[in-house]
Amino acid sequence: MPRVLIAAITAAMLALLIGPKFIAWLRANEVGQFVRPPGLIPAAHAQKQGTPTMGGLLILFGTLVPFVILSSRSTEAMLVLFTALACGALGFLDDWRKIVRKRSLGLSGRLRLLGLVGIAAVLTTVAIQVVGLPTTLTIPVANESLDVGPWLYFVIVYLVVAASTNAVNLTDGLDGLAGGVAAIVLFAYTGIAFVSGQTDLAILGATLVGACIGFLWFNSHPAQVFMGDTGSYALGGAIAAMAVMTKTEILLIVIGAVFVIEALSVIIQVIVFKRTGRRVFLMTPLHHHFEMAGWSETKIIFRIWLIAAMFAATGFTLFFRDFTS
């Protein structure tokens, strides 16, 4: 337990100490955010144009240093770290292309798809062949396991990675929203890893939580820096890999319910609009709907954080019940 706590505190302190100079460097080199065209986001977001982005690098640095120093660098934890770094690299390329092109469009969907397939393939192969992870899905509450075989398990792992990275990315639309929700979800996974005896995974989860908290100091409204796709993809990849390594792929739907809801709001909006020409929400993802309804940005963020905490606590409770039964 002491190493886990020290890891979280160290990661937060690193992010807090390095943050000001890192943000100044981003600003000096004009590494700024390009917002989407009017109509796709609320009009008030136009003022966020040019805010330094790629703050995800700060989260990754704050995570990496204490983890390497304090952990035993087990294969399980290193695999989660690889997934986070690889997804972060994919997001970095997306951010970099936006900056070079000076527009809000980054990597093509095909390139991102190929990148995530490759990352999922490495995650699945190492998890099964090196770590010895079974190709089973654990059904919460029923506490039953269903063996799906290696090929179908790879498809499931890919879906978990792709869904998690894209859902975190969609949620990253308000100052501090995605970072706060990710910290809450990763806190639950830190507890799950600790309870199940996976100490290195708990240390990694704690460093991610600490780094997110340190980052939120600068990302809270009004944000001095955005995490960019570098951060949202890295955090999404970390959450997905933690779910795989703790065999909670299905339970992730509960623990990360806010991310699920945000993604579903977009899917529902698109399907209904194509079929009927009508909108279910004023704007998607869902947090923009509440903006358009007149809620303040701060109110939306704090209320979604509270909802995320309730779902994460519920997911952890379900895991603990099954684990101890």
C-alpha atoms as a PDB file:
ATOM      1  CA  MET A   1       0.000   0.000   0.000  1.00  0.00           C
ATOM      2  CA  PRO A   2       2.723   2.607   0.792  1.00  0.00           C
ATOM      3  CA  ARG A   3       4.297   2.215  -2.675  1.00  0.00           C
ATOM      4  CA  VAL A   4       0.910   2.655  -4.316  1.00  0.00           C
ATOM      5  CA  LEU A   5       0.241   5.874  -2.402  1.00  0.00           C
ATOM      6  CA  ILE A   6       3.764   7.181  -2.984  1.00  0.00           C
ATOM      7  CA  ALA A   7       3.379   6.456  -6.704  1.00  0.00           C
ATOM      8  CA  ALA A   8       0.196   8.520  -6.903  1.00  0.00           C
ATOM      9  CA  ILE A   9       1.634  11.436  -4.924  1.00  0.00           C
ATOM     10  CA  THR A  10       4.891  11.456  -6.916  1.00  0.00           C
ATOM     11  CA  ALA A  11       3.054  11.422 -10.247  1.00  0.00           C
ATOM     12  CA  ALA A  12       0.827  14.323  -9.182  1.00  0.00           C
ATOM     13  CA  MET A  13       3.801  16.357  -7.925  1.00  0.00           C
ATOM     14  CA  LEU A  14       5.769  15.759 -11.130  1.00  0.00           C
ATOM     15  CA  ALA A  15       2.883  16.983 -13.248  1.00  0.00           C
ATOM     16  CA  LEU A  16       2.421  20.034 -11.029  1.00  0.00           C
ATOM     17  CA  LEU A  17       6.131  20.940 -11.056  1.00  0.00           C
ATOM     18  CA  ILE A  18       6.751  20.395 -14.768  1.00  0.00           C
ATOM     19  CA  GLY A  19       3.396  21.722 -15.964  1.00  0.00           C
ATOM     20  CA  PRO A  20       4.108  25.486 -16.070  1.00  0.00           C
ATOM     21  CA  LYS A  21       7.326  25.181 -18.103  1.00  0.00           C
ATOM     22  CA  PHE A  22       5.798  22.555 -20.380  1.00  0.00           C
ATOM     23  CA  ILE A  23       2.767  24.747 -21.095  1.00  0.00           C
ATOM     24  CA  ALA A  24       5.022  27.752 -21.711  1.00  0.00           C
ATOM     25  CA  TRP A  25       7.025  25.663 -24.207  1.00  0.00           C
ATOM     26  CA  LEU A  26       3.841  24.578 -26.012  1.00  0.00           C
ATOM     27  CA  ARG A  27       2.689  28.200 -26.192  1.00  0.00           C
ATOM     28  CA  ALA A  28       6.072  29.444 -27.425  1.00  0.00           C
ATOM     29  CA  ASN A  29       6.057  26.833 -30.196  1.00  0.00           C
ATOM     30  CA  GLU A  30       2.431  27.555 -31.107  1.00  0.00           C
ATOM     31  CA  VAL A  31       1.257  24.019 -30.347  1.00  0.00           C
ATOM     32  CA  GLY A  32      -2.358  25.133 -30.095  1.00  0.00           C
ATOM     33  CA  GLN A  33      -5.794  23.560 -30.331  1.00  0.00           C
ATOM     34  CA  PHE A  34      -7.828  23.844 -33.527  1.00  0.00           C
ATOM     35  CA  VAL A  35     -11.520  23.722 -32.648  1.00  0.00           C
ATOM     36  CA  ARG A  36     -14.136  22.139 -34.878  1.00  0.00           C
ATOM     37  CA  PRO A  37     -16.224  24.328 -37.220  1.00  0.00           C
ATOM     38  CA  PRO A  38     -19.287  26.204 -35.869  1.00  0.00           C
ATOM     39  CA  GLY A  39     -22.348  23.969 -35.691  1.00  0.00           C
ATOM     40  CA  LEU A  40     -20.351  20.954 -34.518  1.00  0.00           C
ATOM     41  CA  ILE A  41     -19.560  22.525 -31.144  1.00  0.00           C
ATOM     42  CA  PRO A  42     -21.233  25.279 -29.059  1.00  0.00           C
ATOM     43  CA  ALA A  43     -20.310  28.788 -30.195  1.00  0.00           C
ATOM     44  CA  ALA A  44     -18.644  29.572 -26.861  1.00  0.00           C
ATOM     45  CA  HIS A  45     -15.870  27.073 -27.682  1.00  0.00           C
ATOM     46  CA  ALA A  46     -14.475  29.352 -30.385  1.00  0.00           C
ATOM     47  CA  GLN A  47     -12.558  31.241 -27.686  1.00  0.00           C
ATOM     48  CA  LYS A  48     -10.610  28.054 -26.896  1.00  0.00           C
ATOM     49  CA  GLN A  49      -8.906  28.209 -30.281  1.00  0.00           C
ATOM     50  CA  GLY A  50      -5.130  28.301 -29.837  1.00  0.00           C
ATOM     51  CA  THR A  51      -5.076  26.930 -26.274  1.00  0.00           C
ATOM     52  CA  PRO A  52      -1.945  24.742 -25.927  1.00  0.00           C
ATOM     53  CA  THR A  53      -2.649  21.064 -26.601  1.00  0.00           C
ATOM     54  CA  MET A  54      -0.787  17.726 -26.392  1.00  0.00           C
ATOM     55  CA  GLY A  55      -0.961  17.983 -22.598  1.00  0.00           C
ATOM     56  CA  GLY A  56      -1.244  14.208 -22.626  1.00  0.00           C
ATOM     57  CA  LEU A  57       2.552  14.168 -22.795  1.00  0.00           C
ATOM     58  CA  LEU A  58       2.567  15.669 -19.307  1.00  0.00           C
ATOM     59  CA  ILE A  59       0.292  12.873 -18.059  1.00  0.00           C
ATOM     60  CA  LEU A  60       2.506  10.203 -19.634  1.00  0.00           C
ATOM     61  CA  PHE A  61       5.706  11.664 -18.191  1.00  0.00           C
ATOM     62  CA  GLY A  62       4.150  11.962 -14.744  1.00  0.00           C
ATOM     63  CA  THR A  63       3.084   8.322 -15.024  1.00  0.00           C
ATOM     64  CA  LEU A  64       6.261   6.836 -16.471  1.00  0.00           C
ATOM     65  CA  VAL A  65       8.898   8.105 -14.033  1.00  0.00           C
ATOM     66  CA  PRO A  66       7.407   6.972 -10.688  1.00  0.00           C
ATOM     67  CA  PHE A  67       6.196   3.696 -12.202  1.00  0.00           C
ATOM     68  CA  VAL A  68       9.664   2.743 -13.439  1.00  0.00           C
ATOM     69  CA  ILE A  69      11.228   3.665 -10.084  1.00  0.00           C
ATOM     70  CA  LEU A  70       8.664   2.137  -7.709  1.00  0.00           C
ATOM     71  CA  SER A  71       7.405  -0.970  -9.529  1.00  0.00           C
ATOM     72  CA  SER A  72       8.930  -4.363 -10.198  1.00  0.00           C
ATOM     73  CA  ARG A  73       8.022  -3.860 -13.868  1.00  0.00           C
ATOM     74  CA  SER A  74       5.988  -7.045 -14.154  1.00  0.00           C
ATOM     75  CA  THR A  75       4.925  -8.213 -17.601  1.00  0.00           C
ATOM     76  CA  GLU A  76       1.275  -7.465 -16.821  1.00  0.00           C
ATOM     77  CA  ALA A  77       1.968  -3.862 -15.848  1.00  0.00           C
ATOM     78  CA  MET A  78       4.453  -3.301 -18.682  1.00  0.00           C
ATOM     79  CA  LEU A  79       1.832  -4.526 -21.136  1.00  0.00           C
ATOM     80  CA  VAL A  80      -0.672  -1.972 -19.831  1.00  0.00           C
ATOM     81  CA  LEU A  81       2.020   0.713 -20.030  1.00  0.00           C
ATOM     82  CA  PHE A  82       2.841  -0.332 -23.600  1.00  0.00           C
ATOM     83  CA  THR A  83      -0.822  -0.044 -24.578  1.00  0.00           C
ATOM     84  CA  ALA A  84      -1.097   3.419 -23.028  1.00  0.00           C
ATOM     85  CA  LEU A  85       2.107   4.625 -24.714  1.00  0.00           C
ATOM     86  CA  ALA A  86       1.218   3.082 -28.089  1.00  0.00           C
ATOM     87  CA  CYS A  87      -2.284   4.572 -28.065  1.00  0.00           C
ATOM     88  CA  GLY A  88      -0.762   7.869 -26.894  1.00  0.00           C
ATOM     89  CA  ALA A  89       1.664   7.773 -29.835  1.00  0.00           C
ATOM     90  CA  LEU A  90      -1.271   7.260 -32.204  1.00  0.00           C
ATOM     91  CA  GLY A  91      -3.019  10.239 -30.633  1.00  0.00           C
ATOM     92  CA  PHE A  92       0.209  12.266 -30.842  1.00  0.00           C
ATOM     93  CA  LEU A  93       0.373  11.666 -34.599  1.00  0.00           C
ATOM     94  CA  ASP A  94      -3.244  12.785 -34.859  1.00  0.00           C
ATOM     95  CA  ASP A  95      -2.513  15.964 -32.864  1.00  0.00           C
ATOM     96  CA  TRP A  96       0.648  16.675 -34.825  1.00  0.00           C
ATOM     97  CA  ARG A  97      -1.143  16.379 -38.158  1.00  0.00           C
ATOM     98  CA  LYS A  98      -3.797  18.849 -36.990  1.00  0.00           C
ATOM     99  CA  ILE A  99      -1.093  21.335 -36.011  1.00  0.00           C
ATOM    100  CA  VAL A 100       0.782  20.957 -39.300  1.00  0.00           C
ATOM    101  CA  ARG A 101      -2.410  21.267 -41.351  1.00  0.00           C
ATOM    102  CA  LYS A 102      -3.732  24.053 -39.085  1.00  0.00           C
ATOM    103  CA  ARG A 103      -7.180  22.462 -39.007  1.00  0.00           C
ATOM    104  CA  SER A 104      -9.199  20.165 -36.750  1.00  0.00           C
ATOM    105  CA  LEU A 105      -8.811  17.068 -38.965  1.00  0.00           C
ATOM    106  CA  GLY A 106      -5.984  14.678 -38.054  1.00  0.00           C
ATOM    107  CA  LEU A 107      -5.259  11.091 -39.042  1.00  0.00           C
ATOM    108  CA  SER A 108      -7.717   9.315 -41.326  1.00  0.00           C
ATOM    109  CA  GLY A 109     -10.088   6.793 -39.808  1.00  0.00           C
ATOM    110  CA  ARG A 110      -8.325   4.011 -41.707  1.00  0.00           C
ATOM    111  CA  LEU A 111      -4.914   4.799 -40.216  1.00  0.00           C
ATOM    112  CA  ARG A 112      -6.336   4.978 -36.705  1.00  0.00           C
ATOM    113  CA  LEU A 113      -8.130   1.676 -37.288  1.00  0.00           C
ATOM    114  CA  LEU A 114      -4.928  -0.029 -38.419  1.00  0.00           C
ATOM    115  CA  GLY A 115      -3.012   1.411 -35.482  1.00  0.00           C
ATOM    116  CA  LEU A 116      -5.552   0.173 -32.942  1.00  0.00           C
ATOM    117  CA  VAL A 117      -5.710  -3.270 -34.584  1.00  0.00           C
ATOM    118  CA  GLY A 118      -1.922  -3.571 -34.247  1.00  0.00           C
ATOM    119  CA  ILE A 119      -1.968  -2.457 -30.602  1.00  0.00           C
ATOM    120  CA  ALA A 120      -4.809  -4.873 -29.777  1.00  0.00           C
ATOM    121  CA  ALA A 121      -2.929  -7.696 -31.520  1.00  0.00           C
ATOM    122  CA  VAL A 122       0.176  -7.134 -29.370  1.00  0.00           C
ATOM    123  CA  LEU A 123      -1.916  -6.805 -26.211  1.00  0.00           C
ATOM    124  CA  THR A 124      -3.822 -10.033 -26.922  1.00  0.00           C
ATOM    125  CA  THR A 125      -0.792 -12.083 -28.006  1.00  0.00           C
ATOM    126  CA  VAL A 126       1.393 -11.146 -25.046  1.00  0.00           C
ATOM    127  CA  ALA A 127      -1.501 -11.466 -22.589  1.00  0.00           C
ATOM    128  CA  ILE A 128      -2.270 -15.018 -23.733  1.00  0.00           C
ATOM    129  CA  GLN A 129       1.153 -16.403 -24.629  1.00  0.00           C
ATOM    130  CA  VAL A 130       3.429 -14.658 -22.115  1.00  0.00           C
ATOM    131  CA  VAL A 131       1.234 -13.686 -19.176  1.00  0.00           C
ATOM    132  CA  GLY A 132      -0.911 -16.806 -19.527  1.00  0.00           C
ATOM    133  CA  LEU A 133      -4.207 -14.938 -19.424  1.00  0.00           C
ATOM    134  CA  PRO A 134      -7.192 -17.208 -20.199  1.00  0.00           C
ATOM    135  CA  THR A 135      -9.344 -16.419 -23.229  1.00  0.00           C
ATOM    136  CA  THR A 136     -12.423 -16.080 -21.068  1.00  0.00           C
ATOM    137  CA  LEU A 137     -14.940 -13.380 -20.346  1.00  0.00           C
ATOM    138  CA  THR A 138     -16.072 -12.995 -16.754  1.00  0.00           C
ATOM    139  CA  ILE A 139     -19.784 -12.288 -16.359  1.00  0.00           C
ATOM    140  CA  PRO A 140     -20.342  -9.938 -13.379  1.00  0.00           C
ATOM    141  CA  VAL A 141     -22.823 -10.841 -10.627  1.00  0.00           C
ATOM    142  CA  ALA A 142     -23.226 -14.365 -12.051  1.00  0.00           C
ATOM    143  CA  ASN A 143     -19.478 -14.798 -11.447  1.00  0.00           C
ATOM    144  CA  GLU A 144     -19.298 -17.175 -14.415  1.00  0.00           C
ATOM    145  CA  SER A 145     -16.600 -17.399 -17.080  1.00  0.00           C
ATOM    146  CA  LEU A 146     -17.192 -18.028 -20.761  1.00  0.00           C
ATOM    147  CA  ASP A 147     -14.270 -19.286 -22.871  1.00  0.00           C
ATOM    148  CA  VAL A 148     -14.468 -17.613 -26.293  1.00  0.00           C
ATOM    149  CA  GLY A 149     -11.196 -18.903 -27.776  1.00  0.00           C
ATOM    150  CA  PRO A 150      -8.160 -16.856 -28.918  1.00  0.00           C
ATOM    151  CA  TRP A 151      -9.549 -15.447 -32.170  1.00  0.00           C
ATOM    152  CA  LEU A 152     -12.837 -14.181 -30.791  1.00  0.00           C
ATOM    153  CA  TYR A 153     -10.988 -12.930 -27.717  1.00  0.00           C
ATOM    154  CA  PHE A 154      -8.733 -10.856 -29.983  1.00  0.00           C
ATOM    155  CA  VAL A 155     -11.820  -9.299 -31.589  1.00  0.00           C
ATOM    156  CA  ILE A 156     -13.205  -8.503 -28.133  1.00  0.00           C
ATOM    157  CA  VAL A 157      -9.897  -6.976 -26.982  1.00  0.00           C
ATOM    158  CA  TYR A 158      -9.801  -4.843 -30.127  1.00  0.00           C
ATOM    159  CA  LEU A 159     -13.365  -3.648 -29.503  1.00  0.00           C
ATOM    160  CA  VAL A 160     -12.490  -2.801 -25.894  1.00  0.00           C
ATOM    161  CA  VAL A 161      -9.390  -0.828 -26.961  1.00  0.00           C
ATOM    162  CA  ALA A 162     -11.118   0.942 -29.856  1.00  0.00           C
ATOM    163  CA  ALA A 163     -14.236   1.753 -27.843  1.00  0.00           C
ATOM    164  CA  SER A 164     -12.274   2.976 -24.824  1.00  0.00           C
ATOM    165  CA  THR A 165      -9.900   5.251 -26.750  1.00  0.00           C
ATOM    166  CA  ASN A 166     -12.642   6.768 -28.875  1.00  0.00           C
ATOM    167  CA  ALA A 167     -15.051   7.167 -25.946  1.00  0.00           C
ATOM    168  CA  VAL A 168     -12.462   9.027 -23.853  1.00  0.00           C
ATOM    169  CA  ASN A 169     -11.680  11.147 -26.913  1.00  0.00           C
ATOM    170  CA  LEU A 170     -15.369  12.025 -27.372  1.00  0.00           C
ATOM    171  CA  THR A 171     -15.683  12.902 -23.674  1.00  0.00           C
ATOM    172  CA  ASP A 172     -12.750  15.314 -23.924  1.00  0.00           C
ATOM    173  CA  GLY A 173     -14.903  18.274 -24.898  1.00  0.00           C
ATOM    174  CA  LEU A 174     -15.018  20.357 -21.714  1.00  0.00           C
ATOM    175  CA  ASP A 175     -12.197  21.605 -19.508  1.00  0.00           C
ATOM    176  CA  GLY A 176     -11.239  18.832 -17.092  1.00  0.00           C
ATOM    177  CA  LEU A 177     -14.117  16.514 -18.016  1.00  0.00           C
ATOM    178  CA  ALA A 178     -12.226  13.588 -19.563  1.00  0.00           C
ATOM    179  CA  GLY A 179      -9.266  13.917 -17.201  1.00  0.00           C
ATOM    180  CA  GLY A 180     -11.492  13.840 -14.129  1.00  0.00           C
ATOM    181  CA  VAL A 181     -13.606  10.916 -15.315  1.00  0.00           C
ATOM    182  CA  ALA A 182     -10.488   8.983 -16.363  1.00  0.00           C
ATOM    183  CA  ALA A 183      -8.931   9.560 -12.921  1.00  0.00           C
ATOM    184  CA  ILE A 184     -12.093   8.202 -11.267  1.00  0.00           C
ATOM    185  CA  VAL A 185     -12.201   5.119 -13.508  1.00  0.00           C
ATOM    186  CA  LEU A 186      -8.480   4.448 -13.044  1.00  0.00           C
ATOM    187  CA  PHE A 187      -8.865   4.869  -9.282  1.00  0.00           C
ATOM    188  CA  ALA A 188     -11.414   2.053  -9.346  1.00  0.00           C
ATOM    189  CA  TYR A 189      -8.996  -0.077 -11.375  1.00  0.00           C
ATOM    190  CA  THR A 190      -6.181   0.695  -8.951  1.00  0.00           C
ATOM    191  CA  GLY A 191      -8.399  -0.712  -6.199  1.00  0.00           C
ATOM    192  CA  ILE A 192      -9.291  -3.767  -8.291  1.00  0.00           C
ATOM    193  CA  ALA A 193      -5.626  -4.479  -9.042  1.00  0.00           C
ATOM    194  CA  PHE A 194      -4.646  -4.030  -5.393  1.00  0.00           C
ATOM    195  CA  VAL A 195      -7.424  -6.269  -4.076  1.00  0.00           C
ATOM    196  CA  SER A 196      -6.557  -8.990  -6.597  1.00  0.00           C
ATOM    197  CA  GLY A 197      -2.867  -8.928  -5.579  1.00  0.00           C
ATOM    198  CA  GLN A 198      -1.528  -7.332  -8.781  1.00  0.00           C
ATOM    199  CA  THR A 199       0.685  -4.793  -7.022  1.00  0.00           C
ATOM    200  CA  ASP A 200       2.504  -3.484 -10.097  1.00  0.00           C
ATOM    201  CA  LEU A 201      -0.800  -2.902 -11.847  1.00  0.00           C
ATOM    202  CA  ALA A 202      -2.003  -1.022  -8.769  1.00  0.00           C
ATOM    203  CA  ILE A 203       1.155   1.124  -8.830  1.00  0.00           C
ATOM    204  CA  LEU A 204       0.655   1.898 -12.522  1.00  0.00           C
ATOM    205  CA  GLY A 205      -2.999   2.742 -11.934  1.00  0.00           C
ATOM    206  CA  ALA A 206      -2.015   4.998  -9.044  1.00  0.00           C
ATOM    207  CA  THR A 207       0.557   6.874 -11.148  1.00  0.00           C
ATOM    208  CA  LEU A 208      -2.048   7.410 -13.860  1.00  0.00           C
ATOM    209  CA  VAL A 209      -4.521   8.747 -11.289  1.00  0.00           C
ATOM    210  CA  GLY A 210      -1.875  11.024  -9.767  1.00  0.00           C
ATOM    211  CA  ALA A 211      -0.749  12.303 -13.175  1.00  0.00           C
ATOM    212  CA  CYS A 212      -4.373  13.043 -14.133  1.00  0.00           C
ATOM    213  CA  ILE A 213      -4.895  14.971 -10.895  1.00  0.00           C
ATOM    214  CA  GLY A 214      -1.717  16.989 -11.472  1.00  0.00           C
ATOM    215  CA  PHE A 215      -2.812  17.669 -15.043  1.00  0.00           C
ATOM    216  CA  LEU A 216      -6.260  18.809 -13.886  1.00  0.00           C
ATOM    217  CA  TRP A 217      -4.590  21.685 -12.018  1.00  0.00           C
ATOM    218  CA  PHE A 218      -3.871  23.208 -15.431  1.00  0.00           C
ATOM    219  CA  ASN A 219      -6.803  21.713 -17.336  1.00  0.00           C
ATOM    220  CA  SER A 220      -9.589  22.906 -15.005  1.00  0.00           C
ATOM    221  CA  HIS A 221     -11.908  25.586 -16.363  1.00  0.00           C
ATOM    222  CA  PRO A 222     -10.710  27.826 -17.925  1.00  0.00           C
ATOM    223  CA  ALA A 223      -8.076  25.429 -19.225  1.00  0.00           C
ATOM    224  CA  GLN A 224      -4.451  26.484 -19.687  1.00  0.00           C
ATOM    225  CA  VAL A 225      -3.768  23.301 -21.668  1.00  0.00           C
ATOM    226  CA  PHE A 226      -5.725  20.486 -23.303  1.00  0.00           C
ATOM    227  CA  MET A 227      -4.705  16.834 -23.210  1.00  0.00           C
ATOM    228  CA  GLY A 228      -5.366  16.453 -26.929  1.00  0.00           C
ATOM    229  CA  ASP A 229      -5.729  13.087 -28.626  1.00  0.00           C
ATOM    230  CA  THR A 230      -2.314  12.268 -27.159  1.00  0.00           C
ATOM    231  CA  GLY A 231      -3.869  12.197 -23.701  1.00  0.00           C
ATOM    232  CA  SER A 232      -7.340  10.860 -24.495  1.00  0.00           C
ATOM    233  CA  TYR A 233      -5.993   7.949 -26.527  1.00  0.00           C
ATOM    234  CA  ALA A 234      -3.329   7.147 -23.914  1.00  0.00           C
ATOM    235  CA  LEU A 235      -5.859   7.161 -21.069  1.00  0.00           C
ATOM    236  CA  GLY A 236      -8.355   5.170 -23.110  1.00  0.00           C
ATOM    237  CA  GLY A 237      -5.687   2.610 -23.946  1.00  0.00           C
ATOM    238  CA  ALA A 238      -4.623   2.357 -20.301  1.00  0.00           C
ATOM    239  CA  ILE A 239      -8.222   1.832 -19.144  1.00  0.00           C
ATOM    240  CA  ALA A 240      -8.826  -0.824 -21.815  1.00  0.00           C
ATOM    241  CA  ALA A 241      -5.624  -2.704 -20.968  1.00  0.00           C
ATOM    242  CA  MET A 242      -6.380  -2.551 -17.230  1.00  0.00           C
ATOM    243  CA  ALA A 243      -9.773  -4.122 -17.977  1.00  0.00           C
ATOM    244  CA  VAL A 244      -8.118  -6.892 -19.993  1.00  0.00           C
ATOM    245  CA  MET A 245      -5.425  -7.645 -17.407  1.00  0.00           C
ATOM    246  CA  THR A 246      -7.958  -7.771 -14.547  1.00  0.00           C
ATOM    247  CA  LYS A 247     -10.482  -9.789 -16.597  1.00  0.00           C
ATOM    248  CA  THR A 248     -13.140  -7.109 -16.225  1.00  0.00           C
ATOM    249  CA  GLU A 249     -13.824  -6.455 -19.907  1.00  0.00           C
ATOM    250  CA  ILE A 250     -17.600  -6.643 -19.386  1.00  0.00           C
ATOM    251  CA  LEU A 251     -17.534  -4.862 -16.027  1.00  0.00           C
ATOM    252  CA  LEU A 252     -15.798  -1.930 -17.751  1.00  0.00           C
ATOM    253  CA  ILE A 253     -19.228  -1.027 -19.123  1.00  0.00           C
ATOM    254  CA  VAL A 254     -20.267  -0.194 -15.544  1.00  0.00           C
ATOM    255  CA  ILE A 255     -16.986   1.230 -14.252  1.00  0.00           C
ATOM    256  CA  GLY A 256     -16.600   3.481 -17.298  1.00  0.00           C
ATOM    257  CA  ALA A 257     -20.325   4.077 -17.796  1.00  0.00           C
ATOM    258  CA  VAL A 258     -19.894   7.818 -18.421  1.00  0.00           C
ATOM    259  CA  PHE A 259     -17.613   7.088 -21.378  1.00  0.00           C
ATOM    260  CA  VAL A 260     -20.158   4.545 -22.654  1.00  0.00           C
ATOM    261  CA  ILE A 261     -23.012   7.037 -22.344  1.00  0.00           C
ATOM    262  CA  GLU A 262     -21.061   9.785 -24.121  1.00  0.00           C
ATOM    263  CA  ALA A 263     -20.259   7.457 -27.035  1.00  0.00           C
ATOM    264  CA  LEU A 264     -23.808   6.088 -27.206  1.00  0.00           C
ATOM    265  CA  SER A 265     -25.233   9.602 -27.396  1.00  0.00           C
ATOM    266  CA  VAL A 266     -23.295  10.166 -30.624  1.00  0.00           C
ATOM    267  CA  ILE A 267     -24.316   6.799 -32.079  1.00  0.00           C
ATOM    268  CA  ILE A 268     -27.995   7.342 -31.232  1.00  0.00           C
ATOM    269  CA  GLN A 269     -27.945  10.875 -32.667  1.00  0.00           C
ATOM    270  CA  VAL A 270     -26.435   9.726 -35.965  1.00  0.00           C
ATOM    271  CA  ILE A 271     -28.755   6.717 -36.414  1.00  0.00           C
ATOM    272  CA  VAL A 272     -31.951   8.591 -35.557  1.00  0.00           C
ATOM    273  CA  PHE A 273     -31.020  11.633 -37.680  1.00  0.00           C
ATOM    274  CA  LYS A 274     -30.222   9.485 -40.728  1.00  0.00           C
ATOM    275  CA  ARG A 275     -33.516   7.616 -40.429  1.00  0.00           C
ATOM    276  CA  THR A 276     -35.890  10.414 -39.407  1.00  0.00           C
ATOM    277  CA  GLY A 277     -34.068  13.698 -40.004  1.00  0.00           C
ATOM    278  CA  ARG A 278     -34.655  14.598 -36.349  1.00  0.00           C
ATOM    279  CA  ARG A 279     -32.236  15.023 -33.459  1.00  0.00           C
ATOM    280  CA  VAL A 280     -32.620  13.287 -30.120  1.00  0.00           C
ATOM    281  CA  PHE A 281     -30.137  15.650 -28.428  1.00  0.00           C
ATOM    282  CA  LEU A 282     -29.516  19.348 -28.976  1.00  0.00           C
ATOM    283  CA  MET A 283     -25.891  18.458 -29.760  1.00  0.00           C
ATOM    284  CA  THR A 284     -23.581  15.514 -29.152  1.00  0.00           C
ATOM    285  CA  PRO A 285     -21.586  14.200 -27.371  1.00  0.00           C
ATOM    286  CA  LEU A 286     -23.984  14.439 -24.451  1.00  0.00           C
ATOM    287  CA  HIS A 287     -22.062  17.106 -22.499  1.00  0.00           C
ATOM    288  CA  HIS A 288     -22.683  19.521 -25.395  1.00  0.00           C
ATOM    289  CA  HIS A 289     -26.431  18.835 -25.108  1.00  0.00           C
ATOM    290  CA  PHE A 290     -26.364  20.208 -21.560  1.00  0.00           C
ATOM    291  CA  GLU A 291     -24.314  23.208 -22.723  1.00  0.00           C
ATOM    292  CA  MET A 292     -26.916  23.995 -25.357  1.00  0.00           C
ATOM    293  CA  ALA A 293     -29.604  23.614 -22.685  1.00  0.00           C
ATOM    294  CA  GLY A 294     -27.987  26.476 -20.754  1.00  0.00           C
ATOM    295  CA  TRP A 295     -25.965  24.650 -18.106  1.00  0.00           C
ATOM    296  CA  SER A 296     -22.645  26.205 -17.177  1.00  0.00           C
ATOM    297  CA  GLU A 297     -19.491  24.301 -18.095  1.00  0.00           C
ATOM    298  CA  THR A 298     -18.498  23.939 -14.439  1.00  0.00           C
ATOM    299  CA  LYS A 299     -21.902  22.526 -13.448  1.00  0.00           C
ATOM    300  CA  ILE A 300     -21.776  19.929 -16.232  1.00  0.00           C
ATOM    301  CA  ILE A 301     -18.249  18.837 -15.323  1.00  0.00           C
ATOM    302  CA  PHE A 302     -18.862  18.409 -11.606  1.00  0.00           C
ATOM    303  CA  ARG A 303     -22.167  16.598 -12.073  1.00  0.00           C
ATOM    304  CA  ILE A 304     -20.667  14.180 -14.594  1.00  0.00           C
ATOM    305  CA  TRP A 305     -17.728  13.576 -12.222  1.00  0.00           C
ATOM    306  CA  LEU A 306     -20.248  12.666  -9.498  1.00  0.00           C
ATOM    307  CA  ILE A 307     -22.070  10.272 -11.816  1.00  0.00           C
ATOM    308  CA  ALA A 308     -18.750   8.727 -12.868  1.00  0.00           C
ATOM    309  CA  ALA A 309     -17.821   8.192  -9.218  1.00  0.00           C
ATOM    310  CA  MET A 310     -21.118   6.429  -8.508  1.00  0.00           C
ATOM    311  CA  PHE A 311     -20.727   4.081 -11.465  1.00  0.00           C
ATOM    312  CA  ALA A 312     -17.050   3.382 -10.690  1.00  0.00           C
ATOM    313  CA  ALA A 313     -17.915   2.614  -7.052  1.00  0.00           C
ATOM    314  CA  THR A 314     -20.697   0.291  -8.193  1.00  0.00           C
ATOM    315  CA  GLY A 315     -18.337  -1.524 -10.564  1.00  0.00           C
ATOM    316  CA  PHE A 316     -15.682  -1.924  -7.873  1.00  0.00           C
ATOM    317  CA  THR A 317     -18.295  -3.244  -5.436  1.00  0.00           C
ATOM    318  CA  LEU A 318     -19.489  -5.828  -7.972  1.00  0.00           C
ATOM    319  CA  PHE A 319     -15.892  -6.943  -8.570  1.00  0.00           C
ATOM    320  CA  PHE A 320     -15.130  -7.156  -4.845  1.00  0.00           C
ATOM    321  CA  ARG A 321     -18.314  -9.153  -4.232  1.00  0.00           C
ATOM    322  CA  ASP A 322     -17.415 -11.697  -6.916  1.00  0.00           C
ATOM    323  CA  PHE A 323     -13.743 -11.813  -5.916  1.00  0.00           C
ATOM    324  CA  THR A 324     -14.459 -12.560  -2.274  1.00  0.00           C
ATOM    325  CA  SER A 325     -17.366 -14.948  -2.820  1.00  0.00           C
END
